[in-house]
Every structure is written in C-alpha cells, then in structure tokens.
Amino acid sequence: MPRIAFMGAGSTVFAKNVLGDCMLAPETGDLDIALHDIDPQRLQDSLAMLQIMARNTDLGGRRCDIAAFADRREALRGADYVVNAIQVGGYEPATVADFEIPKKYGLRQTIGDTLGIGGIFRALRTIPVLEAFARDMEALCPRALFINYTNPMAMLSGFMQRYTAIQTVGLCHSVQVCAPGLLSSLGLEDRMPGYRWEIAGINHMAWLLRIEDAAGRDLYPEIKERARAFLAGTREFPGSHAHRDRVRLDLMLRLGYYITESSEHNAEYNPWYIKARYPELIDRYNIPLDEYPRRCVNQIEGWRKMRQDLVERHDLVHHRTHEYAAFIIGAMETDVPYRVHGNVLNRGLIPNLPSNACVEVPCMVDRNGINPCQ
C-alpha cells in the first residue's frame, strides 16, 4: 500500500489532478495519502475535496485512506512517494517582489519563474525549504521518490539531486503537450494519429528534435513552411493558438527546432524580444508582459467560486489528466515499464551539456526507479 505524501496540498486543483489520477489508476493499488500545507484552511479544503472525490470514484475494491497533517514530519513518515507542489512566499509578498523590484531597474518579465532574476529569487527562497524537506525525508522516508513539480524546475530538482541523498525527479507539463500543441496550432491535426516525436534539453527550453508522421516522414518541412507563412501574415489558422505562439515559431525558424515551453516564457529567456529600445516587438510577437502577476490576481479572485465547485460539490468526479506522477507510481509499484520525460542529472545523457546540469530527457520507469535515456 504505497504512501503518497503531498507537500503543498493547498494547491487544490493540482492535488485533485495528481491524486485523482492515482485514484483512477488501478495499478497503484491501495492508497495511503498524506496531505500537508502550512495554510490550515486550504489544507482542509483539499482534504474535503479528495474525500468526496474518493467516494465518487470506482476504486475497484481498492482502499484509499486520506489524512491531513499540519505537522510536515508526520505527513512524511513512512512515505514511498513525496509530491512537491509548494510555492514559497505566495503572491504577496513574493511574486510582487519578483516583478516590481526588477521593473524598478528596467527589467521586464512575463512569468519570472524559471531563469533570470525572477527564477533566481524563487530558487533562493525555495531551496532552504527543500533542504528541510530532504533532512526530514532522510530521517523518516529515506527511500522515497521525491517528485518535484515546483519551479524553477532545473534549479530546485538539481539542488535535491546534487546536494541531498534523496532520489528525485522533476516533472513538468510542457513536454507532453509540445508536439500536439505545435501541430494543432498550424492546422496539422490530421498528422497526429501514430505520430512520433523526441524531446531533450533543459526544462522549459527542451527541443523537439524529431517529429514524424505514422509513416516515418519528417513533419518539420511542412511545419516550418506554415509557420513562415503565418508569421509573414499570408496565412491564418482559424481556431488555433498560433497568435499566442509567435516567439516559439520565430525561434524555430531561426534555430531549426521547436521548443517545449510557451512563447510567453521564452520571450523572457532570450535577449531578442523584450527590448527597451524596440517596444514594437512586444506587439509584433504578442508578448504578455507581467503575465504571471495577472494570473495570480485572477486566480485569487476566482478561488471563491472555484472552491464551491471543488470543495462543496458532493457529485465531484475526476477525469484522468496527462500528468506523469500517477504513471510513475504505477510503474514502480507493478514493475511494468512506462516512459516519461523527467528532469534528472546529466550523467552523460546529453554530451554537450555540463555533467552536473539538471536536464530533461526521456526516462523509463520501473521498480528500479527512474532510468534516464541518453
């Protein structure tokens, strides 16, 4: 009966997705779920939601025990898997500081959670918390797998992998939606059945190295032709999200490959798009400056209604998502291999990147844990 400790369980929607996926995965077996958050109200909200969801889920005779713990160590005690979804500092004061202090000195950002000053701020305030998690895990669950979803992904996962004894993999959402998102944005949905793709790099900046149709034909020439016409204004793709993807399409045409994370992220990862002397680039590439603070405000304002939908709905059910966590737990519990893309230390996996870098590559998962592919 695997014990899953969820750190940051007040991230109610994310807890629903990851733990709801586990409930819908018979290969995970019986479940012992331990929730922890430093916000007591959000912790109780998530507990109530998950208990309702468990009652409404056909568990196939499996047990699903769910408990909430204000004491982090009690949540971690005896855990087999630890899912990390914390955000240290919250919207105020942390996110506000991430954006307003750099803006004071002329540096504009869109998301500010990966690299640049916003990502560094996040890492500096989050690493001490992860170090405390690791010390507790070394004492209470030393063989547990730490599944990190918190950004900045490479900095935080790399810290755990380089400076603690805890087995760690970092997981992101952008890899599994990269190839289908690219094809759908350019009106190429008909190429998806049986298609194949390969991705490797670093988190939020991994590269779609190969994309082929079911017959093995390279789709990049047609993708680039359509992207070139779209950016030149000679072709539109109704209903697609291409207008929000101008930066990535431009990067692909200039550098040869499509990149995994969104255009609003990549606009701030490179020095070519957000430029004080060329403000027209903001409109040309549809760059949403200060996007993350706006999202935070909208999420805070919308939480009351969302709380009713999630916490107070007694008919709440869950539909499986594309998150990797439940698949990893299922593969490790059953020894049936499953492929994910994980953030791991670069031990010869990508030869032209540093060996102590945290890289995002395909990984086969089985009872032996996370097995990265070169």
Protein backbone atom coordinates (compact mmCIF):
# COMPACT_ATOMS: atom_id res chain seq x y z
CA MET A 1 0.00 0.00 0.00
CA PRO A 2 2.06 2.97 -1.21
CA ARG A 3 2.04 6.07 0.95
CA ILE A 4 1.95 9.31 -1.04
CA ALA A 5 2.82 12.47 0.84
CA PHE A 6 1.70 15.65 -0.91
CA MET A 7 3.62 18.77 0.11
CA GLY A 8 1.70 21.95 -0.75
CA ALA A 9 -1.67 20.23 -0.73
CA GLY A 10 -3.34 23.64 -0.58
CA SER A 11 -2.69 23.74 -4.32
CA THR A 12 -6.16 22.27 -4.53
CA VAL A 13 -6.54 21.96 -8.29
CA PHE A 14 -3.15 20.36 -8.67
CA ALA A 15 -3.78 18.00 -5.77
CA LYS A 16 -7.02 16.99 -7.50
CA ASN A 17 -5.18 16.25 -10.76
CA VAL A 18 -2.28 14.25 -9.35
CA LEU A 19 -4.09 12.37 -6.60
CA GLY A 20 -7.26 11.97 -8.65
CA ASP A 21 -5.12 10.34 -11.35
CA CYS A 22 -3.77 7.93 -8.71
CA MET A 23 -7.33 7.04 -7.67
CA LEU A 24 -8.17 6.22 -11.29
CA ALA A 25 -5.06 4.08 -11.77
CA PRO A 26 -5.73 0.51 -10.58
CA GLU A 27 -2.02 -0.28 -10.96
CA THR A 28 -1.24 1.95 -7.98
CA GLY A 29 -3.09 -0.48 -5.68
CA ASP A 30 -4.44 0.65 -2.31
CA LEU A 31 -3.57 4.23 -1.46
CA ASP A 32 -2.44 5.94 1.72
CA ILE A 33 -2.49 9.69 1.01
CA ALA A 34 -0.96 12.16 3.46
CA LEU A 35 -1.61 15.85 2.83
CA HIS A 36 0.46 18.72 4.21
CA ASP A 37 0.21 22.50 3.84
CA ILE A 38 1.09 25.46 6.04
CA ASP A 39 -2.31 27.07 5.31
CA PRO A 40 -4.78 25.18 7.54
CA GLN A 41 -7.88 26.30 5.63
CA ARG A 42 -6.53 25.30 2.23
CA LEU A 43 -5.35 22.02 3.71
CA GLN A 44 -8.83 21.21 4.99
CA ASP A 45 -10.36 22.28 1.66
CA SER A 46 -8.16 19.82 -0.20
CA LEU A 47 -8.90 17.07 2.30
CA ALA A 48 -12.65 17.57 1.92
CA MET A 49 -12.40 17.65 -1.88
CA LEU A 50 -10.33 14.48 -2.10
CA GLN A 51 -12.57 12.60 0.30
CA ILE A 52 -15.63 13.49 -1.81
CA MET A 53 -13.80 12.52 -4.97
CA ALA A 54 -12.71 9.19 -3.50
CA ARG A 55 -16.31 8.37 -2.57
CA ASN A 56 -17.41 9.13 -6.14
CA THR A 57 -14.63 7.12 -7.79
CA ASP A 58 -14.91 3.47 -8.70
CA LEU A 59 -11.82 2.20 -6.92
CA GLY A 60 -12.42 -1.40 -7.94
CA GLY A 61 -12.34 -2.60 -4.35
CA ARG A 62 -9.12 -0.73 -3.53
CA ARG A 63 -8.69 1.21 -0.31
CA CYS A 64 -7.98 4.94 -0.35
CA ASP A 65 -7.11 6.41 3.03
CA ILE A 66 -6.69 10.20 3.09
CA ALA A 67 -5.48 12.28 6.02
CA ALA A 68 -4.27 15.86 6.52
CA PHE A 69 -1.30 16.82 8.67
CA ALA A 70 -0.26 20.25 9.89
CA ASP A 71 2.98 18.61 11.02
CA ARG A 72 5.15 18.02 7.96
CA ARG A 73 7.14 15.24 9.57
CA GLU A 74 4.01 13.24 10.30
CA ALA A 75 2.95 13.53 6.68
CA LEU A 76 6.37 12.34 5.50
CA ARG A 77 6.73 9.48 7.96
CA GLY A 78 6.99 6.21 6.03
CA ALA A 79 6.20 7.79 2.65
CA ASP A 80 7.07 5.93 -0.55
CA TYR A 81 6.46 8.94 -2.79
CA VAL A 82 6.62 12.64 -1.95
CA VAL A 83 4.95 15.03 -4.40
CA ASN A 84 6.16 18.61 -4.08
CA ALA A 85 3.88 21.45 -5.23
CA ILE A 86 4.78 24.28 -2.85
CA GLN A 87 5.16 27.97 -3.65
CA VAL A 88 7.18 29.78 -1.01
CA GLY A 89 6.02 33.31 -0.28
CA GLY A 90 2.80 33.28 -2.33
CA TYR A 91 1.59 36.14 -4.47
CA GLU A 92 2.25 38.70 -1.73
CA PRO A 93 4.95 39.48 -0.96
CA ALA A 94 7.00 37.09 -3.09
CA THR A 95 5.59 37.26 -6.62
CA VAL A 96 5.04 41.00 -6.35
CA ALA A 97 8.69 41.45 -5.36
CA ASP A 98 9.84 39.17 -8.20
CA PHE A 99 8.33 41.59 -10.70
CA GLU A 100 8.35 45.02 -9.08
CA ILE A 101 11.99 45.09 -7.98
CA PRO A 102 13.43 44.15 -11.40
CA LYS A 103 10.93 46.50 -13.10
CA LYS A 104 12.31 49.36 -10.97
CA TYR A 105 15.64 48.84 -12.74
CA GLY A 106 14.18 48.45 -16.22
CA LEU A 107 13.93 44.66 -16.46
CA ARG A 108 10.53 43.46 -17.69
CA GLN A 109 9.33 39.87 -17.30
CA THR A 110 6.36 37.75 -18.31
CA ILE A 111 6.35 34.74 -15.94
CA GLY A 112 9.55 35.05 -13.91
CA ASP A 113 9.67 31.52 -12.52
CA THR A 114 12.46 29.73 -14.39
CA LEU A 115 15.63 31.72 -15.04
CA GLY A 116 16.59 35.36 -14.97
CA ILE A 117 16.10 37.32 -11.77
CA GLY A 118 12.55 36.06 -11.13
CA GLY A 119 13.67 32.42 -11.25
CA ILE A 120 16.71 33.16 -9.08
CA PHE A 121 14.53 34.90 -6.47
CA ARG A 122 12.24 31.85 -6.38
CA ALA A 123 15.15 29.45 -6.06
CA LEU A 124 16.77 31.42 -3.24
CA ARG A 125 13.63 31.34 -1.12
CA THR A 126 12.62 27.76 -2.00
CA ILE A 127 15.90 25.85 -1.70
CA PRO A 128 16.08 26.26 2.11
CA VAL A 129 12.59 24.75 2.39
CA LEU A 130 13.54 21.82 0.13
CA GLU A 131 16.67 21.30 2.18
CA ALA A 132 14.47 20.96 5.28
CA PHE A 133 12.24 18.50 3.39
CA ALA A 134 15.32 16.47 2.48
CA ARG A 135 16.60 16.33 6.06
CA ASP A 136 13.19 15.12 7.24
CA MET A 137 13.00 12.56 4.43
CA GLU A 138 16.46 11.23 5.19
CA ALA A 139 15.22 10.53 8.73
CA LEU A 140 11.64 9.41 8.02
CA CYS A 141 11.46 8.01 4.47
CA PRO A 142 14.99 7.78 3.02
CA ARG A 143 13.99 5.51 0.11
CA ALA A 144 11.06 7.63 -1.05
CA LEU A 145 11.00 9.17 -4.52
CA PHE A 146 10.73 12.95 -4.43
CA ILE A 147 8.56 14.10 -7.36
CA ASN A 148 9.12 17.81 -7.82
CA TYR A 149 6.61 20.00 -9.67
CA THR A 150 7.77 23.33 -8.24
CA ASN A 151 9.61 25.93 -10.35
CA PRO A 152 12.32 26.83 -11.08
CA MET A 153 12.40 23.16 -12.05
CA ALA A 154 16.06 22.72 -13.02
CA MET A 155 17.43 24.74 -10.09
CA LEU A 156 15.29 23.01 -7.47
CA SER A 157 15.48 19.46 -8.82
CA GLY A 158 19.21 19.91 -9.43
CA PHE A 159 19.69 21.05 -5.84
CA MET A 160 17.98 17.94 -4.50
CA GLN A 161 19.96 15.68 -6.85
CA ARG A 162 23.36 17.26 -6.22
CA TYR A 163 23.24 18.13 -2.54
CA THR A 164 20.94 15.59 -0.86
CA ALA A 165 20.66 11.81 -0.74
CA ILE A 166 17.01 11.83 -1.83
CA GLN A 167 16.07 10.16 -5.11
CA THR A 168 14.48 12.99 -7.10
CA VAL A 169 12.81 13.53 -10.46
CA GLY A 170 11.39 16.81 -11.68
CA LEU A 171 8.20 16.80 -13.75
CA CYS A 172 6.75 19.49 -15.99
CA HIS A 173 3.61 19.70 -18.11
CA SER A 174 5.12 21.23 -21.23
CA VAL A 175 6.79 18.16 -22.75
CA GLN A 176 3.71 16.01 -23.22
CA VAL A 177 1.72 18.84 -24.84
CA CYS A 178 4.54 20.23 -27.01
CA ALA A 179 4.18 18.18 -30.21
CA PRO A 180 0.35 18.04 -30.30
CA GLY A 181 0.19 21.74 -29.47
CA LEU A 182 2.50 22.61 -32.35
CA LEU A 183 0.55 20.53 -34.88
CA SER A 184 -2.84 21.84 -33.76
CA SER A 185 -1.66 25.46 -33.86
CA LEU A 186 -0.75 25.11 -37.55
CA GLY A 187 -3.77 23.11 -38.68
CA LEU A 188 -1.96 19.77 -38.84
CA GLU A 189 -4.16 17.73 -36.51
CA ASP A 190 -4.56 15.06 -39.20
CA ARG A 191 -0.87 14.17 -38.81
CA MET A 192 -1.26 13.17 -35.15
CA PRO A 193 -2.53 9.57 -35.42
CA GLY A 194 0.51 7.33 -34.96
CA TYR A 195 2.98 10.22 -34.98
CA ARG A 196 6.36 10.04 -33.23
CA TRP A 197 8.47 12.67 -31.54
CA GLU A 198 11.65 13.04 -29.49
CA ILE A 199 12.44 15.79 -26.99
CA ALA A 200 15.53 16.57 -24.91
CA GLY A 201 17.17 19.63 -23.36
CA ILE A 202 16.63 21.55 -20.14
CA ASN A 203 13.30 22.31 -18.51
CA HIS A 204 11.13 24.87 -20.35
CA MET A 205 13.86 25.02 -23.01
CA ALA A 206 13.94 21.44 -24.26
CA TRP A 207 13.91 20.89 -28.01
CA LEU A 208 11.58 18.93 -30.25
CA LEU A 209 14.44 17.16 -32.01
CA ARG A 210 12.29 14.93 -34.20
CA ILE A 211 8.64 14.84 -35.25
CA GLU A 212 7.42 12.30 -37.81
CA ASP A 213 4.07 11.01 -39.03
CA ALA A 214 2.98 7.38 -38.75
CA ALA A 215 4.88 6.51 -41.93
CA GLY A 216 8.14 7.98 -40.62
CA ARG A 217 8.04 11.13 -42.77
CA ASP A 218 9.69 14.22 -41.28
CA LEU A 219 6.97 16.78 -40.48
CA TYR A 220 9.35 19.67 -39.87
CA PRO A 221 9.48 20.93 -43.51
CA GLU A 222 5.70 21.39 -43.64
CA ILE A 223 5.59 22.79 -40.11
CA LYS A 224 8.20 25.41 -40.97
CA GLU A 225 6.53 26.32 -44.25
CA ARG A 226 3.24 27.00 -42.45
CA ALA A 227 4.96 28.86 -39.60
CA ARG A 228 6.82 31.08 -42.09
CA ALA A 229 3.60 31.94 -43.91
CA PHE A 230 1.76 32.63 -40.64
CA LEU A 231 4.45 34.99 -39.30
CA ALA A 232 4.57 36.78 -42.66
CA GLY A 233 0.83 37.36 -42.45
CA THR A 234 -0.01 35.39 -45.60
CA ARG A 235 -1.80 32.52 -43.88
CA GLU A 236 -4.13 32.13 -40.91
CA PHE A 237 -5.17 29.07 -38.95
CA PRO A 238 -8.67 29.73 -37.55
CA GLY A 239 -9.32 28.48 -34.06
CA SER A 240 -5.65 27.77 -33.34
CA HIS A 241 -3.46 29.32 -30.67
CA ALA A 242 -0.74 30.33 -33.15
CA HIS A 243 -1.17 34.04 -32.33
CA ARG A 244 -0.02 33.29 -28.79
CA ASP A 245 2.93 31.27 -30.11
CA ARG A 246 4.79 33.77 -32.26
CA VAL A 247 8.01 33.71 -30.24
CA ARG A 248 8.39 29.93 -30.40
CA LEU A 249 7.62 29.84 -34.11
CA ASP A 250 10.21 32.56 -34.71
CA LEU A 251 12.80 30.69 -32.63
CA MET A 252 12.11 27.51 -34.59
CA LEU A 253 12.67 29.21 -37.93
CA ARG A 254 15.89 30.85 -36.73
CA LEU A 255 17.38 27.95 -34.77
CA GLY A 256 15.89 24.91 -36.50
CA TYR A 257 13.83 23.27 -33.75
CA TYR A 258 10.65 23.97 -31.79
CA ILE A 259 10.99 24.49 -28.05
CA THR A 260 8.81 22.93 -25.36
CA GLU A 261 7.59 25.82 -23.22
CA SER A 262 5.20 28.60 -24.19
CA SER A 263 6.04 31.80 -26.03
CA GLU A 264 5.34 33.99 -23.01
CA HIS A 265 8.02 32.04 -21.14
CA ASN A 266 10.54 32.04 -23.97
CA ALA A 267 10.13 35.74 -24.64
CA GLU A 268 11.99 36.39 -21.38
CA TYR A 269 14.51 33.56 -21.69
CA ASN A 270 16.28 35.19 -24.62
CA PRO A 271 17.57 38.76 -25.15
CA TRP A 272 15.85 39.25 -28.50
CA TYR A 273 12.20 40.06 -27.79
CA ILE A 274 11.74 42.28 -24.73
CA LYS A 275 13.94 45.28 -25.55
CA ALA A 276 13.55 48.80 -24.18
CA ARG A 277 14.66 50.41 -27.45
CA TYR A 278 12.37 48.28 -29.62
CA PRO A 279 8.95 48.37 -27.92
CA GLU A 280 7.25 47.46 -31.21
CA LEU A 281 8.49 43.87 -30.71
CA ILE A 282 6.03 43.45 -27.82
CA ASP A 283 3.07 43.85 -30.18
CA ARG A 284 4.67 42.06 -33.12
CA TYR A 285 5.26 38.92 -31.08
CA ASN A 286 2.20 39.30 -28.82
CA ILE A 287 4.26 39.25 -25.62
CA PRO A 288 2.20 39.50 -22.38
CA LEU A 289 4.41 41.48 -20.00
CA ASP A 290 3.61 40.96 -16.29
CA GLU A 291 1.51 37.93 -17.23
CA TYR A 292 2.13 35.89 -14.09
CA PRO A 293 1.00 38.55 -11.57
CA ARG A 294 -2.21 38.96 -13.61
CA ARG A 295 -2.79 35.20 -13.44
CA CYS A 296 -2.25 35.27 -9.70
CA VAL A 297 -4.78 38.07 -9.18
CA ASN A 298 -7.35 36.29 -11.35
CA GLN A 299 -6.79 33.01 -9.51
CA ILE A 300 -7.18 34.67 -6.12
CA GLU A 301 -10.36 36.42 -7.23
CA GLY A 302 -11.75 33.27 -8.79
CA TRP A 303 -10.96 30.97 -5.89
CA ARG A 304 -14.27 31.54 -4.07
CA LYS A 305 -16.31 30.20 -6.99
CA MET A 306 -13.75 27.51 -7.72
CA ARG A 307 -13.85 26.47 -4.08
CA GLN A 308 -17.60 25.85 -4.34
CA ASP A 309 -17.06 23.77 -7.46
CA LEU A 310 -14.29 21.69 -5.93
CA VAL A 311 -14.91 21.54 -2.19
CA GLU A 312 -18.67 21.83 -1.82
CA ARG A 313 -19.85 19.72 -4.78
CA HIS A 314 -20.88 16.31 -3.50
CA ASP A 315 -21.07 14.92 -7.03
CA LEU A 316 -17.46 15.86 -7.82
CA VAL A 317 -15.66 13.38 -10.08
CA HIS A 318 -12.24 13.35 -11.72
CA HIS A 319 -11.12 12.59 -15.25
CA ARG A 320 -7.56 11.43 -15.77
CA THR A 321 -5.05 14.07 -16.87
CA HIS A 322 -1.73 13.86 -18.70
CA GLU A 323 0.34 14.39 -15.53
CA TYR A 324 3.14 11.85 -15.16
CA ALA A 325 3.07 11.26 -11.38
CA ALA A 326 0.43 8.50 -11.31
CA PHE A 327 2.12 6.71 -14.21
CA ILE A 328 5.45 6.79 -12.35
CA ILE A 329 3.91 5.42 -9.16
CA GLY A 330 2.09 2.70 -11.13
CA ALA A 331 5.25 1.64 -12.97
CA MET A 332 7.29 1.47 -9.77
CA GLU A 333 4.59 -0.49 -7.95
CA THR A 334 3.99 -3.05 -10.72
CA ASP A 335 7.40 -3.16 -12.45
CA VAL A 336 5.63 -2.57 -15.77
CA PRO A 337 7.85 0.00 -17.56
CA TYR A 338 6.46 3.37 -18.57
CA ARG A 339 8.19 6.23 -20.40
CA VAL A 340 8.07 9.76 -19.05
CA HIS A 341 10.17 12.87 -19.57
CA GLY A 342 11.92 13.75 -16.35
CA ASN A 343 14.40 16.26 -15.01
CA VAL A 344 17.49 14.37 -13.86
CA LEU A 345 21.23 14.94 -13.50
CA ASN A 346 23.12 14.87 -16.79
CA ARG A 347 25.30 11.81 -16.33
CA GLY A 348 26.33 11.53 -19.97
CA LEU A 349 22.74 11.86 -21.16
CA ILE A 350 23.32 14.97 -23.30
CA PRO A 351 27.07 15.01 -24.02
CA ASN A 352 27.38 18.70 -24.94
CA LEU A 353 25.81 19.95 -21.69
CA PRO A 354 27.61 20.04 -18.31
CA SER A 355 27.62 16.79 -16.34
CA ASN A 356 26.23 18.49 -13.22
CA ALA A 357 23.34 20.13 -15.08
CA CYS A 358 19.76 19.06 -14.50
CA VAL A 359 18.42 18.02 -17.92
CA GLU A 360 15.00 16.99 -19.23
CA VAL A 361 15.17 13.70 -21.11
CA PRO A 362 13.10 10.55 -21.75
CA CYS A 363 13.16 8.20 -18.75
CA MET A 364 11.96 4.63 -18.43
CA VAL A 365 10.37 3.94 -15.06
CA ASP A 366 10.06 0.54 -13.38
CA ARG A 367 10.64 -0.96 -9.95
CA ASN A 368 14.25 0.24 -10.11
CA GLY A 369 13.05 3.83 -10.23
CA ILE A 370 13.86 6.50 -12.81
CA ASN A 371 16.12 5.24 -15.61
CA PRO A 372 17.13 8.14 -17.89
CA CYS A 373 17.88 7.60 -21.58
CA GLN A 374 20.88 9.05 -23.39
